[in-house]
Every structure is written in structure tokens, then in C-alpha cells.
Protein backbone atom coordinates (compact mmCIF):
# COMPACT_ATOMS: atom_id res chain seq x y z
CA MET A 1 30.31 -44.62 -41.78
CA ARG A 2 27.33 -44.44 -39.45
CA ILE A 3 27.33 -42.10 -36.43
CA THR A 4 24.72 -42.82 -33.78
CA ASP A 5 23.22 -40.45 -31.17
CA ASN A 6 25.35 -39.64 -28.09
CA ALA A 7 23.06 -41.38 -25.57
CA PRO A 8 25.04 -40.43 -22.41
CA VAL A 9 24.93 -36.76 -23.32
CA ILE A 10 21.19 -36.87 -24.09
CA ASP A 11 20.52 -38.52 -20.70
CA ASN A 12 22.64 -35.88 -18.98
CA ILE A 13 20.61 -33.11 -20.65
CA ARG A 14 17.37 -34.68 -19.39
CA GLN A 15 18.70 -35.02 -15.82
CA HIS A 16 20.07 -31.48 -15.94
CA GLY A 17 16.59 -30.15 -16.79
CA THR A 18 14.96 -32.15 -13.98
CA ASN A 19 17.44 -30.95 -11.36
CA GLY A 20 17.13 -27.37 -12.55
CA GLY A 21 13.34 -27.52 -12.16
CA SER A 22 13.62 -28.95 -8.62
CA ALA A 23 16.04 -26.22 -7.61
CA ALA A 24 13.71 -23.55 -8.99
CA LYS A 25 10.75 -24.95 -7.02
CA SER A 26 12.76 -25.08 -3.77
CA LEU A 27 13.95 -21.51 -4.22
CA GLU A 28 10.39 -20.34 -4.99
CA ARG A 29 9.01 -21.96 -1.83
CA SER A 30 11.85 -20.65 0.33
CA GLY A 31 11.43 -17.16 -1.04
CA SER A 32 7.65 -17.05 -0.51
CA GLY A 33 7.68 -18.84 2.86
CA ASN A 34 4.86 -21.12 1.64
CA SER A 35 5.13 -24.82 0.99
CA VAL A 36 2.54 -24.50 -1.80
CA THR A 37 2.92 -21.66 -4.28
CA ASN A 38 0.45 -22.73 -6.98
CA THR A 39 -2.15 -25.38 -7.63
CA GLY A 40 0.17 -27.13 -10.09
CA TYR A 41 2.25 -28.38 -7.14
CA ASP A 42 -0.41 -29.49 -4.64
CA GLY A 43 -3.97 -28.25 -5.17
CA VAL A 44 -5.39 -30.20 -2.21
CA THR A 45 -2.90 -28.73 0.28
CA LEU A 46 -3.53 -25.25 -1.08
CA GLU A 47 -7.30 -25.68 -0.66
CA ILE A 48 -6.98 -26.97 2.93
CA SER A 49 -4.65 -24.12 3.83
CA GLY A 50 -7.10 -21.60 2.36
CA LYS A 51 -10.03 -23.00 4.39
CA ILE A 52 -8.04 -22.90 7.64
CA ARG A 53 -6.94 -19.31 7.04
CA THR A 54 -10.53 -18.32 6.20
CA SER A 55 -11.71 -19.79 9.53
CA HIS A 56 -9.00 -17.89 11.37
CA ARG A 57 -9.98 -14.63 9.64
CA GLY A 58 -13.59 -15.35 10.67
CA LEU A 59 -12.52 -15.45 14.32
CA ASP A 60 -10.65 -12.18 13.82
CA GLU A 61 -13.74 -10.50 12.34
CA THR A 62 -15.98 -11.75 15.16
CA SER A 63 -13.51 -10.47 17.71
CA ILE A 64 -13.38 -7.08 15.98
CA ARG A 65 -17.20 -6.79 15.99
CA ALA A 66 -17.37 -7.70 19.67
CA GLN A 67 -14.64 -5.20 20.55
CA GLU A 68 -16.44 -2.45 18.60
CA SER A 69 -19.62 -3.15 20.59
CA ILE A 70 -17.65 -2.95 23.83
CA SER A 71 -16.11 0.35 22.70
CA ILE A 72 -19.57 1.74 21.90
CA ALA A 73 -20.85 0.77 25.35
CA GLN A 74 -17.79 2.26 27.05
CA THR A 75 -18.11 5.51 25.09
CA ALA A 76 -21.79 5.78 25.98
CA GLU A 77 -20.93 5.20 29.64
CA ASP A 78 -18.30 7.96 29.48
CA VAL A 79 -20.75 10.40 27.89
CA LEU A 80 -23.36 9.71 30.56
CA GLU A 81 -20.70 10.06 33.26
CA LYS A 82 -19.87 13.53 31.92
CA ALA A 83 -23.57 14.38 31.95
CA GLN A 84 -23.86 13.14 35.53
CA ASN A 85 -20.93 15.32 36.66
CA ILE A 86 -22.43 18.42 35.05
CA LEU A 87 -25.89 17.69 36.46
CA GLN A 88 -24.43 17.30 39.96
CA LYS A 89 -22.84 20.75 39.70
CA MET A 90 -26.13 22.18 38.47
CA HIS A 91 -27.92 20.48 41.35
CA ASP A 92 -25.53 22.15 43.78
CA LEU A 93 -26.19 25.58 42.27
CA ALA A 94 -29.96 25.04 42.34
CA THR A 95 -29.78 23.96 45.98
CA ARG A 96 -27.89 27.11 46.93
CA SER A 97 -30.27 29.35 45.01
CA ALA A 98 -33.37 27.68 46.51
CA ASP A 99 -32.11 28.39 50.01
CA PHE A 100 -33.87 31.59 51.15
CA THR A 101 -31.17 32.24 53.75
CA ASN A 102 -28.43 32.21 51.13
CA GLN A 103 -27.13 35.74 50.58
CA GLU A 104 -25.25 34.90 47.34
CA ASN A 105 -26.07 36.88 44.21
CA ARG A 106 -28.56 34.63 42.42
CA LEU A 107 -27.78 36.27 39.09
CA ASP A 108 -24.21 34.96 39.40
CA LEU A 109 -25.51 31.52 40.32
CA ASP A 110 -27.86 31.53 37.37
CA PHE A 111 -25.09 32.63 34.99
CA GLU A 112 -22.92 29.69 36.06
CA TYR A 113 -25.96 27.42 35.86
CA THR A 114 -26.57 28.55 32.27
CA GLN A 115 -22.96 27.74 31.36
CA TYR A 116 -23.42 24.19 32.59
CA LYS A 117 -26.60 23.87 30.52
CA PHE A 118 -24.55 24.79 27.46
CA GLU A 119 -21.95 22.12 28.34
CA LEU A 120 -24.76 19.57 28.57
CA SER A 121 -26.06 20.52 25.14
CA GLU A 122 -22.56 20.01 23.67
CA LEU A 123 -22.58 16.34 24.67
CA ASN A 124 -24.89 15.56 21.75
CA THR A 125 -21.96 16.25 19.40
CA ILE A 126 -20.01 13.22 20.66
CA ARG A 127 -20.04 10.39 18.11
CA PHE A 128 -18.56 6.92 17.68
CA ASN A 129 -18.62 5.80 14.04
CA ASP A 130 -21.52 8.24 13.50
CA ILE A 131 -23.40 6.75 16.47
CA GLU A 132 -24.82 9.42 18.78
CA PHE A 133 -25.40 8.84 22.47
CA ILE A 134 -27.33 11.86 23.73
CA ARG A 135 -29.90 14.02 21.99
CA THR A 136 -31.76 17.01 23.33
CA ASP A 137 -34.87 16.45 21.19
CA ALA A 138 -35.37 12.66 21.19
CA SER A 139 -34.30 9.45 22.88
CA VAL A 140 -31.41 7.37 21.58
CA THR A 141 -31.59 3.56 21.38
CA LEU A 142 -28.38 1.55 21.21
CA GLU A 143 -28.55 -2.09 20.10
CA PHE A 144 -25.98 -4.67 21.18
CA SER A 145 -25.45 -8.36 20.47
CA LEU A 146 -24.94 -10.06 23.82
CA ASP A 147 -23.84 -13.34 22.25
CA VAL A 148 -21.76 -12.34 19.25
CA GLY A 149 -22.80 -14.19 16.10
CA SER A 150 -26.00 -15.65 17.60
CA GLY A 151 -28.41 -12.82 16.74
CA ASN A 152 -29.33 -12.45 20.43
CA THR A 153 -29.54 -8.68 20.94
CA THR A 154 -30.51 -6.22 23.65
CA GLU A 155 -31.30 -2.52 23.57
CA VAL A 156 -30.41 0.33 25.87
CA ALA A 157 -32.53 3.48 25.65
CA ILE A 158 -31.06 6.85 26.65
CA ASN A 159 -33.81 9.40 27.22
CA ALA A 160 -33.65 12.81 25.62
CA LEU A 161 -31.69 15.37 27.61
CA ASP A 162 -34.27 18.16 27.71
CA ILE A 163 -32.13 21.21 28.41
CA ASP A 164 -35.04 23.66 28.40
CA ASN A 165 -36.82 21.60 31.07
CA LEU A 166 -33.94 22.29 33.46
CA GLY A 167 -35.09 25.92 33.71
CA ASN A 168 -33.05 28.45 35.68
CA VAL A 169 -32.03 29.25 39.23
CA GLY A 170 -32.53 33.02 39.15
CA THR A 171 -35.06 32.86 42.01
CA PRO A 172 -35.74 30.43 44.87
CA ALA A 173 -38.98 29.34 43.18
CA THR A 174 -37.39 28.54 39.78
CA ALA A 175 -34.50 26.90 41.57
CA GLU A 176 -36.94 24.56 43.34
CA ASN A 177 -38.45 23.51 40.00
CA ALA A 178 -34.98 23.03 38.53
CA LEU A 179 -34.00 20.78 41.44
CA ALA A 180 -36.89 18.41 40.76
CA ASN A 181 -36.10 18.19 37.04
CA ILE A 182 -32.36 17.76 37.65
CA SER A 183 -32.98 14.91 40.11
CA SER A 184 -35.25 13.16 37.60
CA THR A 185 -32.63 13.51 34.83
CA ILE A 186 -29.87 12.19 37.09
CA ASN A 187 -31.96 9.11 37.91
CA GLU A 188 -32.65 8.44 34.22
CA THR A 189 -28.99 8.68 33.24
CA SER A 190 -28.02 6.44 36.18
CA VAL A 191 -30.40 3.73 34.97
CA ALA A 192 -28.95 3.93 31.45
CA GLN A 193 -25.42 3.78 32.85
CA GLU A 194 -26.18 0.62 34.81
CA LYS A 195 -27.66 -1.05 31.73
CA LEU A 196 -24.66 -0.10 29.61
CA ALA A 197 -22.27 -1.43 32.24
CA GLY A 198 -24.18 -4.73 32.24
CA VAL A 199 -24.02 -4.95 28.45
CA ARG A 200 -20.29 -4.18 28.40
CA GLU A 201 -19.53 -6.80 31.05
CA GLY A 202 -21.66 -9.34 29.19
CA LEU A 203 -19.76 -8.73 25.96
CA GLN A 204 -16.42 -8.99 27.71
CA ASN A 205 -17.46 -12.26 29.36
CA ASP A 206 -18.71 -13.54 26.02
CA MET A 207 -15.33 -12.89 24.44
CA ARG A 208 -13.54 -14.69 27.26
CA ASN A 209 -15.92 -17.65 27.52
CA ARG A 210 -16.14 -18.30 23.80
CA SER A 211 -12.42 -17.72 23.30
CA ILE A 212 -13.17 -15.30 20.48
CA SER A 213 -9.94 -13.38 20.90
CA THR A 214 -7.28 -14.18 18.29
CA ASP A 215 -4.94 -14.87 21.20
CA SER A 216 -7.28 -17.63 22.45
CA GLN A 217 -6.56 -21.36 22.27
CA GLN A 218 -8.90 -21.85 19.32
CA GLY A 219 -7.46 -18.95 17.37
CA ALA A 220 -3.90 -20.05 18.13
CA TYR A 221 -4.78 -23.62 17.12
CA LEU A 222 -6.15 -22.53 13.75
CA GLN A 223 -3.21 -20.26 13.11
CA ASP A 224 -0.78 -23.06 14.02
CA ALA A 225 -2.68 -25.57 11.88
CA GLY A 226 -2.62 -23.22 8.91
CA SER A 227 1.09 -22.69 9.35
CA ARG A 228 1.78 -26.42 9.52
CA VAL A 229 -0.10 -26.97 6.27
CA SER A 230 1.12 -24.03 4.20
CA ASP A 231 4.35 -22.67 5.66
CA ALA A 232 7.52 -23.89 4.03
CA ASP A 233 10.18 -25.80 5.97
CA ILE A 234 12.98 -23.38 5.10
CA ALA A 235 15.79 -25.68 6.20
CA LYS A 236 14.37 -28.55 4.16
CA ARG A 237 13.84 -26.36 1.08
CA MET A 238 17.39 -24.98 1.28
CA ILE A 239 18.81 -28.52 1.48
CA GLU A 240 16.74 -29.52 -1.54
CA SER A 241 17.93 -26.45 -3.41
CA VAL A 242 21.60 -27.13 -2.64
CA ARG A 243 21.19 -30.82 -3.56
CA SER A 244 19.56 -29.94 -6.88
CA SER A 245 22.27 -27.38 -7.61
CA LEU A 246 25.04 -29.91 -6.88
CA LEU A 247 23.38 -32.53 -9.07
CA SER A 248 22.91 -29.97 -11.82
CA GLY A 249 26.60 -29.02 -11.62
CA SER A 250 27.59 -32.68 -11.67
CA LYS A 251 25.48 -33.32 -14.77
CA THR A 252 27.06 -30.33 -16.47
CA ALA A 253 30.51 -31.87 -15.89
CA ASP A 254 29.22 -35.24 -17.14
CA PHE A 255 27.83 -33.50 -20.20
CA ALA A 256 31.27 -32.03 -21.01
CA GLN A 257 32.95 -35.39 -20.42
CA GLY A 258 30.36 -37.18 -22.55
CA ASN A 259 31.22 -34.95 -25.51
CA THR A 260 34.98 -35.52 -25.15
CA LEU A 261 35.03 -39.19 -26.22
CA PRO A 262 33.02 -38.78 -29.47
CA GLN A 263 35.08 -35.73 -30.40
CA GLY A 264 38.34 -37.74 -29.92
CA VAL A 265 37.06 -40.53 -32.14
CA MET A 266 36.05 -38.00 -34.78
CA ARG A 267 39.56 -36.51 -34.78
CA LEU A 268 41.15 -39.98 -35.18
CA LEU A 269 38.91 -40.65 -38.16
CA GLY A 270 39.91 -37.33 -39.61
CA VAL A 271 36.41 -35.96 -39.44
CA SER A 272 36.29 -32.25 -38.60
């Protein structure tokens, strides 16, 4: 007696393996949210998706650098605004002390004046990412890129805030000298403020005009393109998974049925 291979069962086993692999791939893609999970599936799609996402991250980084520059300019403006407010109060005290007809106690005026000088000196402790904006012993130069990514830069110099040069207002004569120095310092800080405002507005316009923001049309386009290439169609993957599972279950039933006939023949022949 010659017993041949059970061809239907062998074919069912092969189909069962194929359907099981398809179901596993669909579940993997649905679970990750990506249409491509490794280069074994579609290396070209994975490479294109990677390049698009890299471009989108590049826009994000450019936007972050531009926003940091704007924040630096704004912080410098705020520091100079504080200095201006203090200097105006000192100017008022010096004016009152320089007035010979003023009967106020000049020692009290000078004490208050000295307190404001201390507040001015404390401004040099303000930092933004270790960047200082005011020094009492030297000028500070801030560099900005007006056209982000182009290498086109501009500088804003903030002159040293010479506290000692502001003197005192203990007498009308010293108050007169203080007034001249305070006025000069106010003018210098005003010039720096105007330059900083111009830089900040230029950076903000640059971000708008070049659509650098990640919410811009270009950024949204790249993000959408990357999603279309790499993101999985969940509905489609779930349908594929269910289809593969049904086919796998059907092949399992066929496998059982395929074994029934040979086993019946074997029993009729008396073969255990």
C-alpha cells in the first residue's frame, strides 16, 4: 500500500501562515500609527517620510531660534525701561536739590538718591540664558540675526551704566553735575531702546513674512505631507486585520476537514 502526501492539508498550512503574517503586519501598523514600521516593508516610503519630518523639524528649530532672539530683545528693552524709570526719579530728586529756593532737607534727598543708585546697580544681575544686558564697568553688545538663517546680523551696543559718575545731590552744586550726567545716561539708554525695538520688530516681521512659524502654511504643508506618507490608515488596517483573521480561521477549519477524509480511509483499511 502506498500513502501519498495530503496535498489539501499542506496547501491549507501554507495559506494559514500567509494570512497570519498579514494579520500581524496590519496589527503592527495599527498599533504604531505608522504605515511603515520597518525597512523590510517599504524602505523607499520610510526614507521619504524621514526626509519630510527632518524638513519640518528644521522649520521648528529656525522658529525657536528666531523666537529666542525676539525674547532677548524684549528682555533687553524691559531692563532699559526699568533703568529709564529709575533715572527719571533720580532726575527729579536732582532737580529739587539743585533748586536754591527748595527748603527740603538735602540729606534726605541724597539718601533717597543713593537708594536709586543701588537699584540701578542691581540691574546688571538680570540675565537671559547667561546673556547680560547692563554692566557698570563696560559696554554690552548684543548680536541679532535680522534674517534668520541668512547670516545677516546686526549689533546693538548698550553703554556702561557708570553709577559713580551719577554723583550725589547733597548740595545744589553736586546736584547740578548729577543732572547733566543723568540726562546724558537717559539719552544713551533711549537710543539703545529704539534700536532694540527696531530689531525686535524686524525679527517678528521676518517670522511672519517667511512663514517660519510651525503654524504657517509651509509648516502645515510639510506636516500634512509627512502624515500622508507615513501615518497608517487605521480603518484600512483594521479591515485588513479582520479579513486576514477570518481567512486564517477558515483555513483552520479546512485543515481539520482535510484531515478527516484520510483518517476515515485509514480506519476502513484497518490502519491505526
